[in-house]
Amino acid sequence: MADATNVMLAGTNGLGKTMLACNHAHQALQGAIPGLFTFSATDMLGRADCAP
């Protein structure tokens, strides 16, 4: 958490990626680190606050 780096989780169904992502985001938000949770890269790139 101290580095505030980006994280991308990939894998097959049923590995716990969503649970891990939710827990990671929750921990970051408790430390006042902003977070963004999307289900696809298209969703993320379509957000105005994420545009380059």
C-alpha atoms as a PDB file:
ATOM      1  CA  MET A   1       0.000   0.000   0.000  1.00  0.00           C
ATOM      2  CA  ALA A   2       2.800   2.441   0.722  1.00  0.00           C
ATOM      3  CA  ASP A   3       3.831   2.546  -2.954  1.00  0.00           C
ATOM      4  CA  ALA A   4       0.270   3.218  -4.226  1.00  0.00           C
ATOM      5  CA  THR A   5       1.011   1.276  -7.417  1.00  0.00           C
ATOM      6  CA  ASN A   6      -1.578   0.028  -9.898  1.00  0.00           C
ATOM      7  CA  VAL A   7      -2.740  -3.565  -9.665  1.00  0.00           C
ATOM      8  CA  MET A   8      -4.277  -5.775 -12.341  1.00  0.00           C
ATOM      9  CA  LEU A   9      -5.556  -9.255 -11.510  1.00  0.00           C
ATOM     10  CA  ALA A  10      -6.005 -11.869 -14.219  1.00  0.00           C
ATOM     11  CA  GLY A  11      -6.897 -15.546 -14.124  1.00  0.00           C
ATOM     12  CA  THR A  12      -9.577 -18.124 -14.674  1.00  0.00           C
ATOM     13  CA  ASN A  13     -12.982 -18.211 -12.991  1.00  0.00           C
ATOM     14  CA  GLY A  14     -13.233 -19.058  -9.323  1.00  0.00           C
ATOM     15  CA  LEU A  15      -9.776 -18.023  -8.128  1.00  0.00           C
ATOM     16  CA  GLY A  16     -10.969 -15.168  -5.893  1.00  0.00           C
ATOM     17  CA  LYS A  17      -9.810 -12.217  -8.011  1.00  0.00           C
ATOM     18  CA  THR A  18     -12.876 -10.125  -7.219  1.00  0.00           C
ATOM     19  CA  MET A  19     -12.613 -10.768  -3.483  1.00  0.00           C
ATOM     20  CA  LEU A  20      -8.921  -9.945  -3.520  1.00  0.00           C
ATOM     21  CA  ALA A  21      -9.557  -6.756  -5.527  1.00  0.00           C
ATOM     22  CA  CYS A  22     -12.334  -5.628  -3.171  1.00  0.00           C
ATOM     23  CA  ASN A  23     -10.178  -6.243  -0.110  1.00  0.00           C
ATOM     24  CA  HIS A  24      -7.228  -4.457  -1.696  1.00  0.00           C
ATOM     25  CA  ALA A  25      -9.384  -1.447  -2.658  1.00  0.00           C
ATOM     26  CA  HIS A  26     -10.960  -1.333   0.797  1.00  0.00           C
ATOM     27  CA  GLN A  27      -7.514  -1.292   2.434  1.00  0.00           C
ATOM     28  CA  ALA A  28      -6.337   1.464   0.071  1.00  0.00           C
ATOM     29  CA  LEU A  29      -9.410   3.609   0.687  1.00  0.00           C
ATOM     30  CA  GLN A  30      -8.937   3.315   4.437  1.00  0.00           C
ATOM     31  CA  GLY A  31      -5.478   4.786   3.895  1.00  0.00           C
ATOM     32  CA  ALA A  32      -6.902   7.667   1.820  1.00  0.00           C
ATOM     33  CA  ILE A  33      -5.448   6.228  -1.407  1.00  0.00           C
ATOM     34  CA  PRO A  34      -7.944   6.723  -4.255  1.00  0.00           C
ATOM     35  CA  GLY A  35      -9.154   3.594  -5.995  1.00  0.00           C
ATOM     36  CA  LEU A  36     -11.027   2.594  -9.126  1.00  0.00           C
ATOM     37  CA  PHE A  37     -12.732  -0.769  -9.577  1.00  0.00           C
ATOM     38  CA  THR A  38     -13.798  -1.723 -13.097  1.00  0.00           C
ATOM     39  CA  PHE A  39     -14.700  -4.986 -14.754  1.00  0.00           C
ATOM     40  CA  SER A  40     -12.905  -4.287 -18.034  1.00  0.00           C
ATOM     41  CA  ALA A  41     -10.243  -2.082 -19.564  1.00  0.00           C
ATOM     42  CA  THR A  42     -12.928  -0.542 -21.789  1.00  0.00           C
ATOM     43  CA  ASP A  43     -14.832   0.623 -18.701  1.00  0.00           C
ATOM     44  CA  MET A  44     -11.685   2.122 -17.224  1.00  0.00           C
ATOM     45  CA  LEU A  45     -10.578   3.879 -20.414  1.00  0.00           C
ATOM     46  CA  GLY A  46     -14.057   5.315 -20.959  1.00  0.00           C
ATOM     47  CA  ARG A  47     -13.946   7.264 -17.696  1.00  0.00           C
ATOM     48  CA  ALA A  48     -13.134  10.973 -18.078  1.00  0.00           C
ATOM     49  CA  ASP A  49     -11.118  11.061 -14.838  1.00  0.00           C
ATOM     50  CA  CYS A  50      -8.805   8.312 -16.160  1.00  0.00           C
ATOM     51  CA  ALA A  51      -8.163   9.818 -19.570  1.00  0.00           C
ATOM     52  CA  PRO A  52      -4.527  10.741 -20.365  1.00  0.00           C
END
